[in-house]
């Protein structure tokens, strides 16, 4: 799904652990490389659009100040490609909102 984007895939603290009565399963955080964003509203709009397009992302992790606890035993996979995901998200948000977020 994300083959064209730069990202890091990192195992979470709950990776392969039984939790809330559910069987152990893989759990990851994905960190996409993006261009610098200094406007909180633009950053939140990007995260909201990501959740809208890909329903498997945690809908509760969209705020601008989201904190992730580290995993001292994390396994990290870096996927190097040619796009940053914000390039596509800005296009979708701009088209839907009728504005060009690149100008903000």
PDB file of N, CA and C in Angstrom:
ATOM      1  N   UNK A   1       0.829  -1.201   0.000  1.00  0.00           N
ATOM      2  CA  UNK A   1       0.000   0.000   0.000  1.00  0.00           C
ATOM      3  C   UNK A   1       0.868   1.257   0.000  1.00  0.00           C
ATOM      4  N   UNK A   2       1.951   1.249   0.773  1.00  0.00           N
ATOM      5  CA  UNK A   2       2.774   2.447   0.931  1.00  0.00           C
ATOM      6  C   UNK A   2       4.132   2.319   0.250  1.00  0.00           C
ATOM      7  N   UNK A   3       4.235   1.487  -0.766  1.00  0.00           N
ATOM      8  CA  UNK A   3       5.519   1.209  -1.412  1.00  0.00           C
ATOM      9  C   UNK A   3       6.202   2.457  -1.965  1.00  0.00           C
ATOM     10  N   UNK A   4       5.446   3.463  -2.369  1.00  0.00           N
ATOM     11  CA  UNK A   4       6.032   4.671  -2.959  1.00  0.00           C
ATOM     12  C   UNK A   4       6.492   5.690  -1.926  1.00  0.00           C
ATOM     13  N   UNK A   5       6.214   5.459  -0.642  1.00  0.00           N
ATOM     14  CA  UNK A   5       6.497   6.450   0.401  1.00  0.00           C
ATOM     15  C   UNK A   5       7.675   6.049   1.283  1.00  0.00           C
ATOM     16  N   UNK A   6       8.357   7.059   1.815  1.00  0.00           N
ATOM     17  CA  UNK A   6       9.385   6.850   2.836  1.00  0.00           C
ATOM     18  C   UNK A   6       8.689   6.699   4.180  1.00  0.00           C
ATOM     19  N   UNK A   7       9.053   5.657   4.934  1.00  0.00           N
ATOM     20  CA  UNK A   7       8.471   5.497   6.266  1.00  0.00           C
ATOM     21  C   UNK A   7       9.333   4.577   7.119  1.00  0.00           C
ATOM     22  N   UNK A   8       9.123   4.676   8.432  1.00  0.00           N
ATOM     23  CA  UNK A   8       9.714   3.739   9.387  1.00  0.00           C
ATOM     24  C   UNK A   8       8.571   2.954  10.017  1.00  0.00           C
ATOM     25  N   UNK A   9       8.729   1.659  10.087  1.00  0.00           N
ATOM     26  CA  UNK A   9       7.763   0.780  10.736  1.00  0.00           C
ATOM     27  C   UNK A   9       8.429   0.267  12.012  1.00  0.00           C
ATOM     28  N   UNK A  10       7.792   0.530  13.160  1.00  0.00           N
ATOM     29  CA  UNK A  10       8.400   0.249  14.459  1.00  0.00           C
ATOM     30  C   UNK A  10       7.432  -0.587  15.296  1.00  0.00           C
ATOM     31  N   UNK A  11       7.924  -1.675  15.862  1.00  0.00           N
ATOM     32  CA  UNK A  11       7.061  -2.485  16.720  1.00  0.00           C
ATOM     33  C   UNK A  11       6.688  -1.688  17.965  1.00  0.00           C
ATOM     34  N   UNK A  12       5.433  -1.803  18.379  1.00  0.00           N
ATOM     35  CA  UNK A  12       4.950  -1.078  19.560  1.00  0.00           C
ATOM     36  C   UNK A  12       5.270  -1.866  20.829  1.00  0.00           C
ATOM     37  N   UNK A  13       5.008  -1.262  21.969  1.00  0.00           N
ATOM     38  CA  UNK A  13       5.207  -1.951  23.251  1.00  0.00           C
ATOM     39  C   UNK A  13       4.267  -3.144  23.385  1.00  0.00           C
ATOM     40  N   UNK A  14       3.141  -3.122  22.676  1.00  0.00           N
ATOM     41  CA  UNK A  14       2.145  -4.202  22.758  1.00  0.00           C
ATOM     42  C   UNK A  14       2.321  -5.255  21.670  1.00  0.00           C
ATOM     43  N   UNK A  15       3.390  -5.166  20.897  1.00  0.00           N
ATOM     44  CA  UNK A  15       3.635  -6.094  19.795  1.00  0.00           C
ATOM     45  C   UNK A  15       3.660  -7.538  20.301  1.00  0.00           C
ATOM     46  N   UNK A  16       2.819  -8.368  19.730  1.00  0.00           N
ATOM     47  CA  UNK A  16       2.731  -9.799  20.030  1.00  0.00           C
ATOM     48  C   UNK A  16       2.403 -10.092  21.499  1.00  0.00           C
ATOM     49  N   UNK A  17       1.640  -9.195  22.124  1.00  0.00           N
ATOM     50  CA  UNK A  17       1.191  -9.415  23.498  1.00  0.00           C
ATOM     51  C   UNK A  17      -0.325  -9.531  23.518  1.00  0.00           C
ATOM     52  N   UNK A  18      -0.824 -10.434  24.344  1.00  0.00           N
ATOM     53  CA  UNK A  18      -2.274 -10.532  24.544  1.00  0.00           C
ATOM     54  C   UNK A  18      -2.714  -9.275  25.286  1.00  0.00           C
ATOM     55  N   UNK A  19      -3.814  -8.696  24.834  1.00  0.00           N
ATOM     56  CA  UNK A  19      -4.276  -7.452  25.447  1.00  0.00           C
ATOM     57  C   UNK A  19      -5.795  -7.382  25.346  1.00  0.00           C
ATOM     58  N   UNK A  20      -6.439  -7.021  26.446  1.00  0.00           N
ATOM     59  CA  UNK A  20      -7.894  -6.848  26.495  1.00  0.00           C
ATOM     60  C   UNK A  20      -8.629  -8.090  25.993  1.00  0.00           C
ATOM     61  N   UNK A  21      -8.125  -9.268  26.364  1.00  0.00           N
ATOM     62  CA  UNK A  21      -8.775 -10.511  25.978  1.00  0.00           C
ATOM     63  C   UNK A  21      -8.541 -10.926  24.539  1.00  0.00           C
ATOM     64  N   UNK A  22      -7.721 -10.187  23.808  1.00  0.00           N
ATOM     65  CA  UNK A  22      -7.431 -10.520  22.413  1.00  0.00           C
ATOM     66  C   UNK A  22      -6.127 -11.304  22.333  1.00  0.00           C
ATOM     67  N   UNK A  23      -6.054 -12.195  21.363  1.00  0.00           N
ATOM     68  CA  UNK A  23      -4.857 -13.008  21.163  1.00  0.00           C
ATOM     69  C   UNK A  23      -3.671 -12.121  20.781  1.00  0.00           C
ATOM     70  N   UNK A  24      -2.447 -12.561  21.084  1.00  0.00           N
ATOM     71  CA  UNK A  24      -1.267 -11.795  20.663  1.00  0.00           C
ATOM     72  C   UNK A  24      -1.276 -11.597  19.152  1.00  0.00           C
ATOM     73  N   UNK A  25      -0.899 -10.411  18.735  1.00  0.00           N
ATOM     74  CA  UNK A  25      -0.857 -10.114  17.297  1.00  0.00           C
ATOM     75  C   UNK A  25       0.174  -9.021  17.050  1.00  0.00           C
ATOM     76  N   UNK A  26       0.630  -8.896  15.811  1.00  0.00           N
ATOM     77  CA  UNK A  26       1.606  -7.846  15.493  1.00  0.00           C
ATOM     78  C   UNK A  26       0.988  -6.460  15.678  1.00  0.00           C
ATOM     79  N   UNK A  27       1.745  -5.553  16.289  1.00  0.00           N
ATOM     80  CA  UNK A  27       1.288  -4.167  16.465  1.00  0.00           C
ATOM     81  C   UNK A  27       2.462  -3.250  16.164  1.00  0.00           C
ATOM     82  N   UNK A  28       2.206  -2.268  15.322  1.00  0.00           N
ATOM     83  CA  UNK A  28       3.261  -1.379  14.851  1.00  0.00           C
ATOM     84  C   UNK A  28       2.827   0.081  14.929  1.00  0.00           C
ATOM     85  N   UNK A  29       3.826   0.938  14.930  1.00  0.00           N
ATOM     86  CA  UNK A  29       3.628   2.353  14.657  1.00  0.00           C
ATOM     87  C   UNK A  29       4.307   2.594  13.319  1.00  0.00           C
ATOM     88  N   UNK A  30       3.692   3.434  12.496  1.00  0.00           N
ATOM     89  CA  UNK A  30       4.322   3.805  11.236  1.00  0.00           C
ATOM     90  C   UNK A  30       4.571   5.305  11.276  1.00  0.00           C
ATOM     91  N   UNK A  31       5.792   5.671  10.952  1.00  0.00           N
ATOM     92  CA  UNK A  31       6.190   7.077  10.938  1.00  0.00           C
ATOM     93  C   UNK A  31       6.549   7.429   9.505  1.00  0.00           C
ATOM     94  N   UNK A  32       5.739   8.273   8.885  1.00  0.00           N
ATOM     95  CA  UNK A  32       5.988   8.687   7.511  1.00  0.00           C
ATOM     96  C   UNK A  32       6.909   9.894   7.485  1.00  0.00           C
ATOM     97  N   UNK A  33       7.832   9.886   6.551  1.00  0.00           N
ATOM     98  CA  UNK A  33       8.647  11.076   6.318  1.00  0.00           C
ATOM     99  C   UNK A  33       7.745  12.095   5.621  1.00  0.00           C
ATOM    100  N   UNK A  34       7.729  13.316   6.148  1.00  0.00           N
ATOM    101  CA  UNK A  34       6.939  14.390   5.540  1.00  0.00           C
ATOM    102  C   UNK A  34       7.799  15.638   5.455  1.00  0.00           C
ATOM    103  N   UNK A  35       7.367  16.569   4.655  1.00  0.00           N
ATOM    104  CA  UNK A  35       8.021  17.872   4.617  1.00  0.00           C
ATOM    105  C   UNK A  35       7.686  18.611   5.906  1.00  0.00           C
ATOM    106  N   UNK A  36       8.507  19.575   6.270  1.00  0.00           N
ATOM    107  CA  UNK A  36       8.294  20.300   7.519  1.00  0.00           C
ATOM    108  C   UNK A  36       6.921  20.968   7.541  1.00  0.00           C
ATOM    109  N   UNK A  37       6.213  20.782   8.643  1.00  0.00           N
ATOM    110  CA  UNK A  37       4.904  21.398   8.854  1.00  0.00           C
ATOM    111  C   UNK A  37       4.991  22.200  10.144  1.00  0.00           C
ATOM    112  N   UNK A  38       4.662  23.489  10.064  1.00  0.00           N
ATOM    113  CA  UNK A  38       4.706  24.343  11.255  1.00  0.00           C
ATOM    114  C   UNK A  38       3.323  24.781  11.706  1.00  0.00           C
ATOM    115  N   UNK A  39       2.309  24.477  10.921  1.00  0.00           N
ATOM    116  CA  UNK A  39       0.935  24.851  11.247  1.00  0.00           C
ATOM    117  C   UNK A  39       0.212  23.632  11.825  1.00  0.00           C
ATOM    118  N   UNK A  40      -0.210  23.732  13.082  1.00  0.00           N
ATOM    119  CA  UNK A  40      -0.881  22.625  13.773  1.00  0.00           C
ATOM    120  C   UNK A  40      -2.114  22.148  13.006  1.00  0.00           C
ATOM    121  N   UNK A  41      -2.904  23.080  12.481  1.00  0.00           N
ATOM    122  CA  UNK A  41      -4.137  22.711  11.778  1.00  0.00           C
ATOM    123  C   UNK A  41      -3.847  21.923  10.501  1.00  0.00           C
ATOM    124  N   UNK A  42      -2.796  22.283   9.801  1.00  0.00           N
ATOM    125  CA  UNK A  42      -2.410  21.553   8.592  1.00  0.00           C
ATOM    126  C   UNK A  42      -1.968  20.138   8.964  1.00  0.00           C
ATOM    127  N   UNK A  43      -1.195  20.033  10.040  1.00  0.00           N
ATOM    128  CA  UNK A  43      -0.713  18.724  10.497  1.00  0.00           C
ATOM    129  C   UNK A  43      -1.884  17.820  10.891  1.00  0.00           C
ATOM    130  N   UNK A  44      -2.831  18.359  11.636  1.00  0.00           N
ATOM    131  CA  UNK A  44      -4.013  17.590  12.038  1.00  0.00           C
ATOM    132  C   UNK A  44      -4.827  17.192  10.806  1.00  0.00           C
ATOM    133  N   UNK A  45      -4.976  18.088   9.849  1.00  0.00           N
ATOM    134  CA  UNK A  45      -5.724  17.778   8.622  1.00  0.00           C
ATOM    135  C   UNK A  45      -5.069  16.626   7.864  1.00  0.00           C
ATOM    136  N   UNK A  46      -3.747  16.605   7.844  1.00  0.00           N
ATOM    137  CA  UNK A  46      -3.042  15.503   7.181  1.00  0.00           C
ATOM    138  C   UNK A  46      -3.323  14.177   7.887  1.00  0.00           C
ATOM    139  N   UNK A  47      -3.265  14.170   9.217  1.00  0.00           N
ATOM    140  CA  UNK A  47      -3.510  12.939   9.969  1.00  0.00           C
ATOM    141  C   UNK A  47      -4.962  12.488   9.817  1.00  0.00           C
ATOM    142  N   UNK A  48      -5.886  13.433   9.798  1.00  0.00           N
ATOM    143  CA  UNK A  48      -7.298  13.087   9.598  1.00  0.00           C
ATOM    144  C   UNK A  48      -7.512  12.473   8.223  1.00  0.00           C
ATOM    145  N   UNK A  49      -6.883  13.054   7.210  1.00  0.00           N
ATOM    146  CA  UNK A  49      -7.029  12.525   5.858  1.00  0.00           C
ATOM    147  C   UNK A  49      -6.422  11.132   5.747  1.00  0.00           C
ATOM    148  N   UNK A  50      -5.308  10.913   6.412  1.00  0.00           N
ATOM    149  CA  UNK A  50      -4.686   9.592   6.424  1.00  0.00           C
ATOM    150  C   UNK A  50      -5.646   8.562   7.024  1.00  0.00           C
ATOM    151  N   UNK A  51      -6.295   8.919   8.125  1.00  0.00           N
ATOM    152  CA  UNK A  51      -7.281   8.019   8.754  1.00  0.00           C
ATOM    153  C   UNK A  51      -8.509   7.828   7.868  1.00  0.00           C
ATOM    154  N   UNK A  52      -8.915   8.856   7.140  1.00  0.00           N
ATOM    155  CA  UNK A  52     -10.058   8.744   6.227  1.00  0.00           C
ATOM    156  C   UNK A  52      -9.753   7.790   5.079  1.00  0.00           C
ATOM    157  N   UNK A  53      -8.534   7.865   4.558  1.00  0.00           N
ATOM    158  CA  UNK A  53      -8.165   7.035   3.410  1.00  0.00           C
ATOM    159  C   UNK A  53      -7.842   5.599   3.796  1.00  0.00           C
ATOM    160  N   UNK A  54      -7.291   5.414   4.981  1.00  0.00           N
ATOM    161  CA  UNK A  54      -6.840   4.090   5.417  1.00  0.00           C
ATOM    162  C   UNK A  54      -7.472   3.780   6.769  1.00  0.00           C
ATOM    163  N   UNK A  55      -8.557   3.047   6.748  1.00  0.00           N
ATOM    164  CA  UNK A  55      -9.389   2.822   7.938  1.00  0.00           C
ATOM    165  C   UNK A  55      -8.698   2.008   9.035  1.00  0.00           C
ATOM    166  N   UNK A  56      -7.566   1.384   8.742  1.00  0.00           N
ATOM    167  CA  UNK A  56      -6.889   0.573   9.756  1.00  0.00           C
ATOM    168  C   UNK A  56      -6.051   1.401  10.720  1.00  0.00           C
ATOM    169  N   UNK A  57      -5.871   2.708  10.447  1.00  0.00           N
ATOM    170  CA  UNK A  57      -5.129   3.559  11.382  1.00  0.00           C
ATOM    171  C   UNK A  57      -5.995   3.910  12.585  1.00  0.00           C
ATOM    172  N   UNK A  58      -5.346   4.099  13.722  1.00  0.00           N
ATOM    173  CA  UNK A  58      -6.026   4.432  14.972  1.00  0.00           C
ATOM    174  C   UNK A  58      -6.639   5.820  14.869  1.00  0.00           C
ATOM    175  N   UNK A  59      -7.946   5.876  14.879  1.00  0.00           N
ATOM    176  CA  UNK A  59      -8.673   7.140  14.745  1.00  0.00           C
ATOM    177  C   UNK A  59      -8.501   8.044  15.967  1.00  0.00           C
ATOM    178  N   UNK A  60      -7.981   7.487  17.060  1.00  0.00           N
ATOM    179  CA  UNK A  60      -7.778   8.276  18.280  1.00  0.00           C
ATOM    180  C   UNK A  60      -6.384   8.898  18.332  1.00  0.00           C
ATOM    181  N   UNK A  61      -5.585   8.698  17.298  1.00  0.00           N
ATOM    182  CA  UNK A  61      -4.206   9.205  17.295  1.00  0.00           C
ATOM    183  C   UNK A  61      -4.023  10.323  16.275  1.00  0.00           C
ATOM    184  N   UNK A  62      -5.051  11.138  16.094  1.00  0.00           N
ATOM    185  CA  UNK A  62      -5.005  12.179  15.066  1.00  0.00           C
ATOM    186  C   UNK A  62      -4.580  13.550  15.573  1.00  0.00           C
ATOM    187  N   UNK A  63      -4.549  13.731  16.886  1.00  0.00           N
ATOM    188  CA  UNK A  63      -4.246  15.067  17.390  1.00  0.00           C
ATOM    189  C   UNK A  63      -2.784  15.424  17.123  1.00  0.00           C
ATOM    190  N   UNK A  64      -2.491  16.708  17.142  1.00  0.00           N
ATOM    191  CA  UNK A  64      -1.156  17.196  16.798  1.00  0.00           C
ATOM    192  C   UNK A  64      -0.114  16.852  17.850  1.00  0.00           C
ATOM    193  N   UNK A  65      -0.524  16.633  19.078  1.00  0.00           N
ATOM    194  CA  UNK A  65       0.428  16.418  20.172  1.00  0.00           C
ATOM    195  C   UNK A  65       0.470  14.960  20.626  1.00  0.00           C
ATOM    196  N   UNK A  66       0.171  14.043  19.752  1.00  0.00           N
ATOM    197  CA  UNK A  66       0.126  12.620  20.121  1.00  0.00           C
ATOM    198  C   UNK A  66       1.494  12.146  20.611  1.00  0.00           C
ATOM    199  N   UNK A  67       1.505  11.483  21.763  1.00  0.00           N
ATOM    200  CA  UNK A  67       2.727  10.947  22.352  1.00  0.00           C
ATOM    201  C   UNK A  67       2.708   9.428  22.230  1.00  0.00           C
ATOM    202  N   UNK A  68       3.814   8.857  21.808  1.00  0.00           N
ATOM    203  CA  UNK A  68       3.946   7.407  21.738  1.00  0.00           C
ATOM    204  C   UNK A  68       5.034   6.973  22.709  1.00  0.00           C
ATOM    205  N   UNK A  69       4.695   6.034  23.591  1.00  0.00           N
ATOM    206  CA  UNK A  69       5.701   5.482  24.487  1.00  0.00           C
ATOM    207  C   UNK A  69       6.699   4.696  23.656  1.00  0.00           C
ATOM    208  N   UNK A  70       7.955   4.804  24.003  1.00  0.00           N
ATOM    209  CA  UNK A  70       8.983   4.065  23.286  1.00  0.00           C
ATOM    210  C   UNK A  70       8.970   2.588  23.639  1.00  0.00           C
ATOM    211  N   UNK A  71       9.600   1.810  22.824  1.00  0.00           N
ATOM    212  CA  UNK A  71       9.753   0.383  23.045  1.00  0.00           C
ATOM    213  C   UNK A  71      11.249   0.084  23.037  1.00  0.00           C
ATOM    214  N   UNK A  72      11.843  -0.201  24.199  1.00  0.00           N
ATOM    215  CA  UNK A  72      13.288  -0.425  24.241  1.00  0.00           C
ATOM    216  C   UNK A  72      13.732  -1.633  23.413  1.00  0.00           C
ATOM    217  N   UNK A  73      12.802  -2.524  23.091  1.00  0.00           N
ATOM    218  CA  UNK A  73      13.124  -3.704  22.282  1.00  0.00           C
ATOM    219  C   UNK A  73      12.551  -3.600  20.873  1.00  0.00           C
ATOM    220  N   UNK A  74      12.306  -2.395  20.429  1.00  0.00           N
ATOM    221  CA  UNK A  74      11.656  -2.187  19.133  1.00  0.00           C
ATOM    222  C   UNK A  74      12.489  -2.741  17.982  1.00  0.00           C
ATOM    223  N   UNK A  75      11.777  -3.291  17.041  1.00  0.00           N
ATOM    224  CA  UNK A  75      12.367  -3.659  15.760  1.00  0.00           C
ATOM    225  C   UNK A  75      11.960  -2.554  14.797  1.00  0.00           C
ATOM    226  N   UNK A  76      12.917  -2.030  14.055  1.00  0.00           N
ATOM    227  CA  UNK A  76      12.658  -0.899  13.164  1.00  0.00           C
ATOM    228  C   UNK A  76      12.987  -1.301  11.735  1.00  0.00           C
ATOM    229  N   UNK A  77      12.045  -1.027  10.860  1.00  0.00           N
ATOM    230  CA  UNK A  77      12.259  -1.244   9.430  1.00  0.00           C
ATOM    231  C   UNK A  77      12.120   0.107   8.749  1.00  0.00           C
ATOM    232  N   UNK A  78      13.161   0.542   8.031  1.00  0.00           N
ATOM    233  CA  UNK A  78      13.084   1.779   7.258  1.00  0.00           C
ATOM    234  C   UNK A  78      12.805   1.398   5.816  1.00  0.00           C
ATOM    235  N   UNK A  79      11.764   1.986   5.256  1.00  0.00           N
ATOM    236  CA  UNK A  79      11.420   1.764   3.851  1.00  0.00           C
ATOM    237  C   UNK A  79      11.767   3.031   3.081  1.00  0.00           C
ATOM    238  N   UNK A  80      12.763   2.931   2.245  1.00  0.00           N
ATOM    239  CA  UNK A  80      13.233   4.085   1.476  1.00  0.00           C
ATOM    240  C   UNK A  80      12.572   4.079   0.104  1.00  0.00           C
ATOM    241  N   UNK A  81      11.950   5.185  -0.241  1.00  0.00           N
ATOM    242  CA  UNK A  81      11.303   5.288  -1.541  1.00  0.00           C
ATOM    243  C   UNK A  81      11.448   6.708  -2.065  1.00  0.00           C
ATOM    244  N   UNK A  82      10.543   7.140  -2.909  1.00  0.00           N
ATOM    245  CA  UNK A  82      10.735   8.413  -3.599  1.00  0.00           C
ATOM    246  C   UNK A  82       9.697   9.476  -3.259  1.00  0.00           C
ATOM    247  N   UNK A  83       8.678   9.165  -2.476  1.00  0.00           N
ATOM    248  CA  UNK A  83       7.636  10.142  -2.148  1.00  0.00           C
ATOM    249  C   UNK A  83       7.508  10.329  -0.642  1.00  0.00           C
ATOM    250  N   UNK A  84       7.078  11.525  -0.263  1.00  0.00           N
ATOM    251  CA  UNK A  84       6.619  11.723   1.109  1.00  0.00           C
ATOM    252  C   UNK A  84       5.096  11.714   1.049  1.00  0.00           C
ATOM    253  N   UNK A  85       4.464  11.128   2.041  1.00  0.00           N
ATOM    254  CA  UNK A  85       3.015  10.914   1.985  1.00  0.00           C
ATOM    255  C   UNK A  85       2.243  12.231   1.971  1.00  0.00           C
ATOM    256  N   UNK A  86       2.820  13.285   2.532  1.00  0.00           N
ATOM    257  CA  UNK A  86       2.112  14.561   2.557  1.00  0.00           C
ATOM    258  C   UNK A  86       1.887  15.123   1.161  1.00  0.00           C
ATOM    259  N   UNK A  87       2.716  14.743   0.200  1.00  0.00           N
ATOM    260  CA  UNK A  87       2.513  15.220  -1.167  1.00  0.00           C
ATOM    261  C   UNK A  87       1.145  14.783  -1.686  1.00  0.00           C
ATOM    262  N   UNK A  88       0.751  13.550  -1.413  1.00  0.00           N
ATOM    263  CA  UNK A  88      -0.564  13.055  -1.827  1.00  0.00           C
ATOM    264  C   UNK A  88      -1.673  13.555  -0.908  1.00  0.00           C
ATOM    265  N   UNK A  89      -1.418  13.599   0.390  1.00  0.00           N
ATOM    266  CA  UNK A  89      -2.453  14.046   1.330  1.00  0.00           C
ATOM    267  C   UNK A  89      -2.820  15.500   1.097  1.00  0.00           C
ATOM    268  N   UNK A  90      -1.833  16.349   0.807  1.00  0.00           N
ATOM    269  CA  UNK A  90      -2.122  17.755   0.524  1.00  0.00           C
ATOM    270  C   UNK A  90      -3.024  17.878  -0.694  1.00  0.00           C
ATOM    271  N   UNK A  91      -2.793  17.065  -1.713  1.00  0.00           N
ATOM    272  CA  UNK A  91      -3.634  17.118  -2.907  1.00  0.00           C
ATOM    273  C   UNK A  91      -5.071  16.760  -2.567  1.00  0.00           C
ATOM    274  N   UNK A  92      -5.281  15.691  -1.826  1.00  0.00           N
ATOM    275  CA  UNK A  92      -6.634  15.247  -1.479  1.00  0.00           C
ATOM    276  C   UNK A  92      -7.327  16.280  -0.612  1.00  0.00           C
ATOM    277  N   UNK A  93      -6.652  16.770   0.423  1.00  0.00           N
ATOM    278  CA  UNK A  93      -7.249  17.770   1.309  1.00  0.00           C
ATOM    279  C   UNK A  93      -7.561  19.038   0.530  1.00  0.00           C
ATOM    280  N   UNK A  94      -6.665  19.462  -0.351  1.00  0.00           N
ATOM    281  CA  UNK A  94      -6.882  20.679  -1.130  1.00  0.00           C
ATOM    282  C   UNK A  94      -8.094  20.545  -2.038  1.00  0.00           C
ATOM    283  N   UNK A  95      -8.221  19.409  -2.687  1.00  0.00           N
ATOM    284  CA  UNK A  95      -9.342  19.197  -3.600  1.00  0.00           C
ATOM    285  C   UNK A  95     -10.655  19.174  -2.826  1.00  0.00           C
ATOM    286  N   UNK A  96     -10.681  18.460  -1.692  1.00  0.00           N
ATOM    287  CA  UNK A  96     -11.915  18.347  -0.920  1.00  0.00           C
ATOM    288  C   UNK A  96     -12.302  19.661  -0.258  1.00  0.00           C
ATOM    289  N   UNK A  97     -11.334  20.404   0.228  1.00  0.00           N
ATOM    290  CA  UNK A  97     -11.616  21.646   0.942  1.00  0.00           C
ATOM    291  C   UNK A  97     -11.666  22.865   0.030  1.00  0.00           C
ATOM    292  N   UNK A  98     -11.276  22.680  -1.232  1.00  0.00           N
ATOM    293  CA  UNK A  98     -11.302  23.797  -2.166  1.00  0.00           C
ATOM    294  C   UNK A  98     -10.230  24.837  -1.894  1.00  0.00           C
ATOM    295  N   UNK A  99      -9.135  24.433  -1.258  1.00  0.00           N
ATOM    296  CA  UNK A  99      -8.047  25.366  -1.003  1.00  0.00           C
ATOM    297  C   UNK A  99      -6.722  24.659  -1.219  1.00  0.00           C
ATOM    298  N   UNK A 100      -5.671  25.432  -1.392  1.00  0.00           N
ATOM    299  CA  UNK A 100      -4.344  24.899  -1.615  1.00  0.00           C
ATOM    300  C   UNK A 100      -3.547  25.010  -0.323  1.00  0.00           C
ATOM    301  N   UNK A 101      -3.384  23.902   0.400  1.00  0.00           N
ATOM    302  CA  UNK A 101      -2.673  23.921   1.678  1.00  0.00           C
ATOM    303  C   UNK A 101      -1.181  24.148   1.502  1.00  0.00           C
ATOM    304  N   UNK A 102      -0.666  23.944   0.284  1.00  0.00           N
ATOM    305  CA  UNK A 102       0.754  24.195   0.049  1.00  0.00           C
ATOM    306  C   UNK A 102       1.096  25.668   0.247  1.00  0.00           C
ATOM    307  N   UNK A 103       0.127  26.541   0.142  1.00  0.00           N
ATOM    308  CA  UNK A 103       0.378  27.983   0.262  1.00  0.00           C
ATOM    309  C   UNK A 103       0.364  28.470   1.697  1.00  0.00           C
ATOM    310  N   UNK A 104      -0.065  27.639   2.636  1.00  0.00           N
ATOM    311  CA  UNK A 104      -0.156  28.070   4.040  1.00  0.00           C
ATOM    312  C   UNK A 104       1.201  28.134   4.665  1.00  0.00           C
TER     313      UNK A 104
END
